[in-house]
Amino acid sequence: MHSLRGLDYSERMNLYEHLHQRGGGQRLIISRSPLRRLLRHLSPVDSTFRWLTAVDHPDALPIDIDSIAECVTQWTANNDGVIFLEGVNALFDAQGPVALFSLMAHLSRLSSGTNISVFIVLDPLTFPPNVWTRISPLAPEWVKSQGEHEQSLVGGQTNPEEPNEESMLSHIQTSVNEVVLAQLVSLPENGFNSNLLSKRMLQWRRMGFDLADLEPALTMDNMRDAYEIYTRVEGTIREATDAMLELTRHPERFTVTQLERFTYRLLNLIDVKSTSNEVFAVSLAD
């Protein structure tokens, strides 16, 4: 089982065709795109398409991990070939990390030692770093090698070994660094509106922050009250960002447990002040 990362829509469609042709057999695509859009780019030959959506449609598959697991299990009972799964971030948002880990373990078991390959589309920025450190080793990134020495596309795949302390630290350092952190310029009260707030929230979400405390401001008619909530949350995020930047600059100064705990608390804006103080105390200790 591998993951596909950093690809735009067109690149992803081209790779779906390439991997299917290289591996042969049948193809199952569970996509966030409707069938009519997929067929503009992909051949229907030897292919089954399911649309991961809440819309009532004959090709629809609910955004539900049990439904996906059942769909994949039924397909693999009668087919060999390749499976592409999109929308994992939507599954995570809907059902949380435990259910997602369970699905990935199920997919790994289905593909291990069989003529079935599984490719999951993953974007590191759509997951909190503490979750990314756990799912990334389960589905290593697929990379095309030079010449004929490409990775095997079908069969012969083994489950990744349980990572040791050193390898887990490496994964955590990588995932923390992949979060694009920056101190953003404050939005002025003059001209502040829900559209500007929505754009700023999108920027913060891409950094991985939980914005549950800020969401009520989006529905307020009184922009003065909304701005007060914004400034309060912004102050917390600024402090959390400073601490996160310290983690990314000097990850080697922290243990695996500390990196996981600090990252989780900072991105979820939990007791940020004391967590930030602890981060800098550890980082600056002799």
Protein backbone atom coordinates (compact mmCIF):
# COMPACT_ATOMS: atom_id res chain seq x y z
CA MET A 1 0.00 0.00 0.00
CA HIS A 2 1.37 3.38 -1.03
CA SER A 3 0.28 7.00 -1.04
CA LEU A 4 0.20 9.59 -3.81
CA ARG A 5 1.19 13.06 -2.63
CA GLY A 6 1.64 16.55 -4.00
CA LEU A 7 -0.25 16.01 -7.27
CA ASP A 8 -2.78 18.30 -8.90
CA TYR A 9 -5.95 16.85 -10.46
CA SER A 10 -4.52 16.42 -13.96
CA GLU A 11 -1.32 14.78 -12.70
CA ARG A 12 -3.35 12.44 -10.55
CA MET A 13 -5.56 11.35 -13.44
CA ASN A 14 -2.51 10.68 -15.62
CA LEU A 15 -0.93 8.62 -12.88
CA TYR A 16 -4.13 6.60 -12.42
CA GLU A 17 -3.90 5.61 -16.08
CA HIS A 18 -0.17 4.90 -15.93
CA LEU A 19 -0.35 2.72 -12.83
CA HIS A 20 -3.33 0.81 -14.19
CA GLN A 21 -1.58 0.10 -17.48
CA ARG A 22 1.64 -0.94 -15.73
CA GLY A 23 -0.08 -3.23 -13.27
CA GLY A 24 -2.81 -4.65 -15.48
CA GLY A 25 -5.94 -6.26 -14.14
CA GLN A 26 -9.02 -4.38 -13.00
CA ARG A 27 -9.23 -0.95 -11.42
CA LEU A 28 -11.38 0.45 -8.60
CA ILE A 29 -11.44 4.22 -8.13
CA ILE A 30 -13.15 5.70 -5.09
CA SER A 31 -13.10 9.39 -5.91
CA ARG A 32 -14.41 12.71 -4.67
CA SER A 33 -15.21 13.53 -8.30
CA PRO A 34 -18.44 12.45 -10.04
CA LEU A 35 -18.29 9.87 -12.82
CA ARG A 36 -18.86 12.34 -15.66
CA ARG A 37 -15.75 14.27 -14.64
CA LEU A 38 -13.59 11.17 -14.24
CA LEU A 39 -14.56 9.91 -17.70
CA ARG A 40 -13.11 13.05 -19.26
CA HIS A 41 -9.68 11.80 -18.19
CA LEU A 42 -9.91 8.05 -17.58
CA SER A 43 -10.77 5.04 -19.69
CA PRO A 44 -13.80 3.07 -18.43
CA VAL A 45 -12.24 -0.20 -19.64
CA ASP A 46 -11.71 -2.66 -16.76
CA SER A 47 -12.67 0.08 -14.31
CA THR A 48 -15.18 0.51 -11.50
CA PHE A 49 -15.92 4.04 -10.28
CA ARG A 50 -17.51 5.01 -6.98
CA TRP A 51 -18.29 8.60 -6.04
CA LEU A 52 -17.48 9.40 -2.41
CA THR A 53 -20.24 11.88 -1.57
CA ALA A 54 -23.30 12.58 0.56
CA VAL A 55 -25.34 13.10 -2.63
CA ASP A 56 -28.00 10.48 -3.41
CA HIS A 57 -26.73 8.92 -6.65
CA PRO A 58 -26.46 5.38 -8.10
CA ASP A 59 -22.65 5.59 -8.10
CA ALA A 60 -22.45 7.27 -4.70
CA LEU A 61 -20.57 5.81 -1.75
CA PRO A 62 -21.26 7.40 1.66
CA ILE A 63 -18.42 9.23 3.38
CA ASP A 64 -18.28 6.41 5.87
CA ILE A 65 -15.35 4.14 6.60
CA ASP A 66 -17.47 1.01 7.04
CA SER A 67 -19.09 1.58 3.63
CA ILE A 68 -15.70 2.00 1.97
CA ALA A 69 -14.26 -1.08 3.68
CA GLU A 70 -17.26 -3.14 2.53
CA CYS A 71 -16.99 -1.80 -1.04
CA VAL A 72 -13.29 -2.63 -1.25
CA THR A 73 -13.72 -6.07 0.32
CA GLN A 74 -16.46 -7.01 -2.15
CA TRP A 75 -14.41 -5.76 -5.09
CA THR A 76 -11.25 -7.62 -4.07
CA ALA A 77 -13.21 -10.86 -3.66
CA ASN A 78 -13.72 -10.98 -7.44
CA ASN A 79 -10.90 -8.88 -8.88
CA ASP A 80 -7.15 -8.42 -9.01
CA GLY A 81 -5.62 -5.11 -9.93
CA VAL A 82 -5.30 -1.65 -8.48
CA ILE A 83 -7.37 0.46 -6.08
CA PHE A 84 -7.22 4.25 -5.85
CA LEU A 85 -8.78 5.95 -2.82
CA GLU A 86 -9.37 9.69 -2.56
CA GLY A 87 -11.09 11.76 0.12
CA VAL A 88 -9.26 10.34 3.12
CA ASN A 89 -9.23 13.81 4.70
CA ALA A 90 -13.05 13.92 4.49
CA LEU A 91 -13.20 10.53 6.21
CA PHE A 92 -10.90 11.80 8.94
CA ASP A 93 -13.03 14.92 9.45
CA ALA A 94 -16.21 12.84 9.62
CA GLN A 95 -15.10 9.95 11.80
CA GLY A 96 -11.77 10.80 13.39
CA PRO A 97 -8.31 9.20 13.52
CA VAL A 98 -9.15 5.84 15.09
CA ALA A 99 -11.58 4.92 12.31
CA LEU A 100 -9.08 6.11 9.69
CA PHE A 101 -6.27 3.99 11.15
CA SER A 102 -8.64 1.01 11.15
CA LEU A 103 -9.48 1.49 7.47
CA MET A 104 -5.83 1.81 6.48
CA ALA A 105 -4.96 -1.34 8.39
CA HIS A 106 -7.81 -3.14 6.60
CA LEU A 107 -6.57 -1.98 3.20
CA SER A 108 -3.02 -3.00 4.05
CA ARG A 109 -4.17 -6.51 4.96
CA LEU A 110 -6.12 -6.82 1.71
CA SER A 111 -3.13 -5.85 -0.41
CA SER A 112 -0.40 -7.70 1.47
CA GLY A 113 0.85 -10.73 -0.44
CA THR A 114 -1.86 -10.47 -3.11
CA ASN A 115 -2.20 -9.25 -6.68
CA ILE A 116 -3.88 -6.09 -5.46
CA SER A 117 -2.21 -2.70 -5.08
CA VAL A 118 -3.71 0.14 -3.06
CA PHE A 119 -2.88 3.80 -3.62
CA ILE A 120 -4.26 6.41 -1.24
CA VAL A 121 -4.24 10.12 -2.13
CA LEU A 122 -2.83 11.97 0.87
CA ASP A 123 -2.09 15.62 1.56
CA PRO A 124 0.02 16.18 4.69
CA LEU A 125 -1.44 19.66 5.23
CA THR A 126 -4.99 18.33 5.69
CA PHE A 127 -4.05 16.34 8.80
CA PRO A 128 -2.77 17.42 12.21
CA PRO A 129 0.92 16.50 12.46
CA ASN A 130 0.28 14.01 15.27
CA VAL A 131 -2.13 12.12 12.97
CA TRP A 132 0.15 12.42 9.95
CA THR A 133 3.04 10.82 11.82
CA ARG A 134 0.88 7.74 12.30
CA ILE A 135 -0.65 7.37 8.83
CA SER A 136 2.44 8.28 6.81
CA PRO A 137 4.39 5.08 7.67
CA LEU A 138 1.30 2.98 6.86
CA ALA A 139 1.26 4.23 3.26
CA PRO A 140 4.77 5.27 2.13
CA GLU A 141 4.88 7.69 -0.76
CA TRP A 142 5.03 6.01 -4.18
CA VAL A 143 7.99 7.34 -6.17
CA LYS A 144 8.83 6.37 -9.74
CA SER A 145 12.44 5.23 -10.02
CA GLN A 146 14.75 5.58 -12.99
CA GLY A 147 14.48 3.32 -16.06
CA GLU A 148 13.01 -0.10 -15.48
CA HIS A 149 13.58 0.00 -11.73
CA GLU A 150 10.13 1.24 -10.79
CA GLN A 151 8.48 0.17 -7.61
CA SER A 152 6.41 -2.98 -7.93
CA LEU A 153 2.83 -2.00 -8.66
CA VAL A 154 1.06 -5.27 -8.04
CA GLY A 155 1.64 -7.91 -5.38
CA GLY A 156 4.63 -8.64 -3.22
CA GLN A 157 3.90 -5.76 -0.88
CA THR A 158 4.56 -6.18 2.79
CA ASN A 159 3.31 -4.27 5.75
CA PRO A 160 5.77 -1.66 7.03
CA GLU A 161 7.68 -2.69 10.09
CA GLU A 162 6.76 -1.17 13.41
CA PRO A 163 8.89 2.00 13.52
CA ASN A 164 11.52 2.25 16.21
CA GLU A 165 12.28 5.38 18.22
CA GLU A 166 14.73 6.73 15.66
CA SER A 167 12.50 6.19 12.62
CA MET A 168 9.41 7.52 14.41
CA LEU A 169 11.35 10.65 15.37
CA SER A 170 12.30 11.08 11.72
CA HIS A 171 8.64 10.81 10.64
CA ILE A 172 7.56 13.31 13.29
CA GLN A 173 10.28 15.77 12.32
CA THR A 174 9.29 15.48 8.65
CA SER A 175 5.59 15.97 9.33
CA VAL A 176 6.16 18.94 11.61
CA ASN A 177 8.35 20.57 8.99
CA GLU A 178 5.76 19.91 6.26
CA VAL A 179 3.27 22.15 8.07
CA VAL A 180 3.76 25.59 6.48
CA LEU A 181 3.88 27.87 9.50
CA ALA A 182 3.95 31.64 9.35
CA GLN A 183 2.98 34.63 11.46
CA LEU A 184 0.25 36.33 9.45
CA VAL A 185 -0.40 40.06 9.43
CA SER A 186 -3.34 40.96 11.67
CA LEU A 187 -6.59 41.88 9.98
CA PRO A 188 -7.60 45.47 10.83
CA GLU A 189 -10.98 46.14 12.39
CA ASN A 190 -11.75 48.69 9.70
CA GLY A 191 -13.24 46.70 6.81
CA PHE A 192 -13.33 43.43 8.74
CA ASN A 193 -16.08 41.12 7.44
CA SER A 194 -17.05 37.45 7.28
CA ASN A 195 -15.39 37.01 3.88
CA LEU A 196 -12.00 38.17 5.19
CA LEU A 197 -12.46 36.06 8.30
CA SER A 198 -13.25 32.97 6.21
CA LYS A 199 -10.08 33.45 4.15
CA ARG A 200 -7.95 33.89 7.27
CA MET A 201 -9.48 30.77 8.82
CA LEU A 202 -8.59 28.82 5.67
CA GLN A 203 -4.97 29.96 6.01
CA TRP A 204 -4.85 28.86 9.63
CA ARG A 205 -6.52 25.53 8.88
CA ARG A 206 -3.87 24.84 6.25
CA MET A 207 -1.31 25.28 9.01
CA GLY A 208 -3.19 22.64 11.00
CA PHE A 209 -4.88 24.73 13.69
CA ASP A 210 -8.22 23.75 15.23
CA LEU A 211 -10.51 26.78 14.90
CA ALA A 212 -13.56 25.60 16.83
CA ASP A 213 -13.38 28.68 19.09
CA LEU A 214 -13.41 31.00 16.08
CA GLU A 215 -16.20 29.40 14.05
CA PRO A 216 -19.06 31.19 15.90
CA ALA A 217 -17.71 34.51 14.59
CA LEU A 218 -18.58 33.45 11.03
CA THR A 219 -22.31 33.50 11.79
CA MET A 220 -22.39 36.82 13.66
CA ASP A 221 -24.09 39.88 12.21
CA ASN A 222 -22.30 42.18 14.64
CA MET A 223 -18.80 42.52 13.18
CA ARG A 224 -17.52 44.23 16.32
CA ASP A 225 -18.29 41.14 18.38
CA ALA A 226 -16.89 38.90 15.65
CA TYR A 227 -13.68 40.93 15.57
CA GLU A 228 -13.27 40.58 19.34
CA ILE A 229 -13.42 36.80 19.00
CA TYR A 230 -10.99 36.95 16.07
CA THR A 231 -8.41 39.01 17.97
CA ARG A 232 -8.62 36.74 21.00
CA VAL A 233 -8.08 33.59 18.93
CA GLU A 234 -5.39 35.29 16.84
CA GLY A 235 -3.38 36.05 19.96
CA THR A 236 -3.52 32.41 20.98
CA ILE A 237 -2.52 31.25 17.49
CA ARG A 238 0.41 33.68 17.41
CA GLU A 239 1.77 32.23 20.63
CA ALA A 240 1.18 28.69 19.38
CA THR A 241 2.91 29.48 16.09
CA ASP A 242 6.00 30.80 17.87
CA ALA A 243 6.23 27.54 19.81
CA MET A 244 5.60 25.42 16.71
CA LEU A 245 8.35 27.28 14.86
CA GLU A 246 10.69 26.44 17.72
CA LEU A 247 9.78 22.76 17.32
CA THR A 248 10.51 22.89 13.58
CA ARG A 249 13.84 24.66 14.07
CA HIS A 250 15.16 22.30 16.74
CA PRO A 251 13.25 18.98 16.65
CA GLU A 252 16.36 17.11 17.76
CA ARG A 253 16.09 18.75 21.20
CA PHE A 254 12.80 16.98 21.94
CA THR A 255 11.87 13.37 22.56
CA VAL A 256 9.29 11.61 20.38
CA THR A 257 6.72 11.87 23.17
CA GLN A 258 7.39 15.57 23.67
CA LEU A 259 7.08 16.32 19.95
CA GLU A 260 3.77 14.49 19.72
CA ARG A 261 2.36 16.04 22.88
CA PHE A 262 3.49 19.60 22.17
CA THR A 263 2.37 19.51 18.54
CA TYR A 264 -1.04 18.11 19.44
CA ARG A 265 -1.67 20.69 22.17
CA LEU A 266 -0.42 23.65 20.16
CA LEU A 267 -2.35 22.87 16.97
CA ASN A 268 -5.51 22.18 18.97
CA LEU A 269 -4.95 25.39 20.97
CA ILE A 270 -5.00 23.54 24.29
CA ASP A 271 -3.43 25.45 27.20
CA VAL A 272 -1.15 27.23 24.73
CA LYS A 273 0.60 29.53 27.18
CA SER A 274 1.89 26.81 29.49
CA THR A 275 2.67 24.50 26.55
CA SER A 276 4.64 27.27 24.84
CA ASN A 277 6.58 27.95 28.03
CA GLU A 278 7.40 24.27 28.30
CA VAL A 279 8.55 24.09 24.65
CA PHE A 280 11.01 26.95 25.09
CA ALA A 281 12.17 25.63 28.47
CA VAL A 282 13.07 22.28 26.90
CA SER A 283 14.60 23.86 23.80
CA LEU A 284 16.79 26.30 25.71
CA ALA A 285 17.87 23.87 28.41
CA ASP A 286 21.57 23.04 28.56
